[in-house]
């Protein structure tokens, strides 16, 4: 097997900078297909952000926007459907804010 192919198979250019645990995770990550795992991890991150910043839902905007982009990419939905998804996500955030009794969200859910 040529040396270049062997290096690529063994971990690629960056493998020397990785710990043994990171190399194992990289090997597992290479076997994952699609975006489902990334979407699930992002949902977990959103949950963590919500727990930590429950009083400032603006902190949720970047991860929720990233989730919307990933879901849109995953399902390759039309621009109209993307807007519908964004509107629904905004509605969920508004409902969460109202349910938590956050200022500015109590009238928005009505």
Protein backbone atom coordinates (compact mmCIF):
# COMPACT_ATOMS: atom_id res chain seq x y z
CA UNK A 1 0.00 0.00 0.00
CA UNK A 2 1.48 3.43 -0.89
CA UNK A 3 2.63 5.51 2.09
CA UNK A 4 0.11 8.33 1.41
CA UNK A 5 -2.83 5.92 1.38
CA UNK A 6 -1.58 4.29 4.57
CA UNK A 7 -1.37 7.65 6.36
CA UNK A 8 -4.85 8.64 5.23
CA UNK A 9 -6.28 5.35 6.43
CA UNK A 10 -4.43 5.61 9.74
CA UNK A 11 -5.94 8.99 10.55
CA UNK A 12 -4.84 11.55 8.05
CA UNK A 13 -2.85 14.71 8.34
CA UNK A 14 -4.00 15.69 11.84
CA UNK A 15 -3.70 12.31 13.55
CA UNK A 16 -0.38 13.22 15.17
CA UNK A 17 -2.06 16.06 17.06
CA UNK A 18 -4.79 13.83 18.51
CA UNK A 19 -4.81 11.93 21.77
CA UNK A 20 -5.52 8.23 21.72
CA UNK A 21 -9.11 8.87 22.87
CA UNK A 22 -9.59 11.48 20.13
CA UNK A 23 -8.31 8.99 17.55
CA UNK A 24 -10.89 6.45 18.71
CA UNK A 25 -13.66 9.09 18.50
CA UNK A 26 -12.44 10.11 15.04
CA UNK A 27 -12.63 6.50 13.88
CA UNK A 28 -16.21 6.22 15.18
CA UNK A 29 -17.16 9.60 13.68
CA UNK A 30 -15.97 8.48 10.25
CA UNK A 31 -18.49 5.63 10.32
CA UNK A 32 -21.47 7.96 10.93
CA UNK A 33 -23.50 8.82 7.85
CA UNK A 34 -25.99 11.62 7.50
CA UNK A 35 -26.75 14.45 9.89
CA UNK A 36 -29.00 12.71 12.40
CA UNK A 37 -26.30 12.41 15.05
CA UNK A 38 -25.28 16.05 14.67
CA UNK A 39 -28.91 17.13 14.91
CA UNK A 40 -29.33 15.11 18.11
CA UNK A 41 -26.17 16.58 19.63
CA UNK A 42 -27.26 20.08 18.72
CA UNK A 43 -30.62 19.47 20.39
CA UNK A 44 -28.75 18.42 23.55
CA UNK A 45 -26.71 21.62 23.34
CA UNK A 46 -29.88 23.70 22.99
CA UNK A 47 -31.25 22.01 26.10
CA UNK A 48 -28.06 22.88 28.00
CA UNK A 49 -28.18 26.49 26.80
CA UNK A 50 -31.82 26.71 27.88
CA UNK A 51 -30.91 25.44 31.34
CA UNK A 52 -28.00 27.83 31.73
CA UNK A 53 -29.54 30.92 30.14
CA UNK A 54 -33.23 30.46 30.91
CA UNK A 55 -33.55 34.15 31.67
CA UNK A 56 -32.06 35.24 28.33
CA UNK A 57 -33.55 33.33 25.42
CA UNK A 58 -31.44 35.36 23.00
CA UNK A 59 -28.69 32.88 23.85
CA UNK A 60 -30.81 30.22 22.11
CA UNK A 61 -30.94 32.03 18.78
CA UNK A 62 -27.57 30.83 17.37
CA UNK A 63 -28.01 27.12 18.22
CA UNK A 64 -31.68 27.14 17.12
CA UNK A 65 -30.69 28.81 13.83
CA UNK A 66 -28.00 26.15 13.36
CA UNK A 67 -30.57 23.44 14.11
CA UNK A 68 -32.96 24.91 11.54
CA UNK A 69 -30.17 24.93 8.93
CA UNK A 70 -29.20 21.33 9.70
CA UNK A 71 -32.77 20.09 9.61
CA UNK A 72 -33.35 21.96 6.35
CA UNK A 73 -30.23 20.40 4.90
CA UNK A 74 -31.18 16.97 6.23
CA UNK A 75 -34.55 17.04 4.57
CA UNK A 76 -33.61 19.40 1.72
CA UNK A 77 -36.80 21.31 2.18
CA UNK A 78 -37.97 24.19 0.03
CA UNK A 79 -37.43 27.84 1.02
CA UNK A 80 -41.13 28.09 1.93
CA UNK A 81 -40.85 25.06 4.17
CA UNK A 82 -37.70 26.49 5.74
CA UNK A 83 -39.63 29.65 6.62
CA UNK A 84 -42.46 27.53 8.03
CA UNK A 85 -39.93 25.62 10.14
CA UNK A 86 -38.34 28.87 11.34
CA UNK A 87 -41.78 30.25 12.23
CA UNK A 88 -42.60 27.08 14.16
CA UNK A 89 -39.28 27.18 16.03
CA UNK A 90 -39.91 30.84 16.91
CA UNK A 91 -43.35 29.83 18.19
CA UNK A 92 -41.81 27.12 20.36
CA UNK A 93 -39.33 29.59 21.84
CA UNK A 94 -42.12 32.09 22.51
CA UNK A 95 -44.18 29.39 24.22
CA UNK A 96 -41.20 28.32 26.34
CA UNK A 97 -40.56 31.94 27.36
CA UNK A 98 -44.22 32.41 28.29
CA UNK A 99 -44.32 29.13 30.22
CA UNK A 100 -41.25 30.20 32.16
CA UNK A 101 -42.92 33.54 32.94
CA UNK A 102 -40.16 35.56 31.30
CA UNK A 103 -40.80 39.24 30.77
CA UNK A 104 -41.90 40.09 27.25
CA UNK A 105 -43.14 36.59 26.47
CA UNK A 106 -46.40 36.55 28.42
CA UNK A 107 -48.36 38.53 25.80
CA UNK A 108 -46.65 36.89 22.81
CA UNK A 109 -48.08 33.43 23.52
CA UNK A 110 -51.66 34.63 23.68
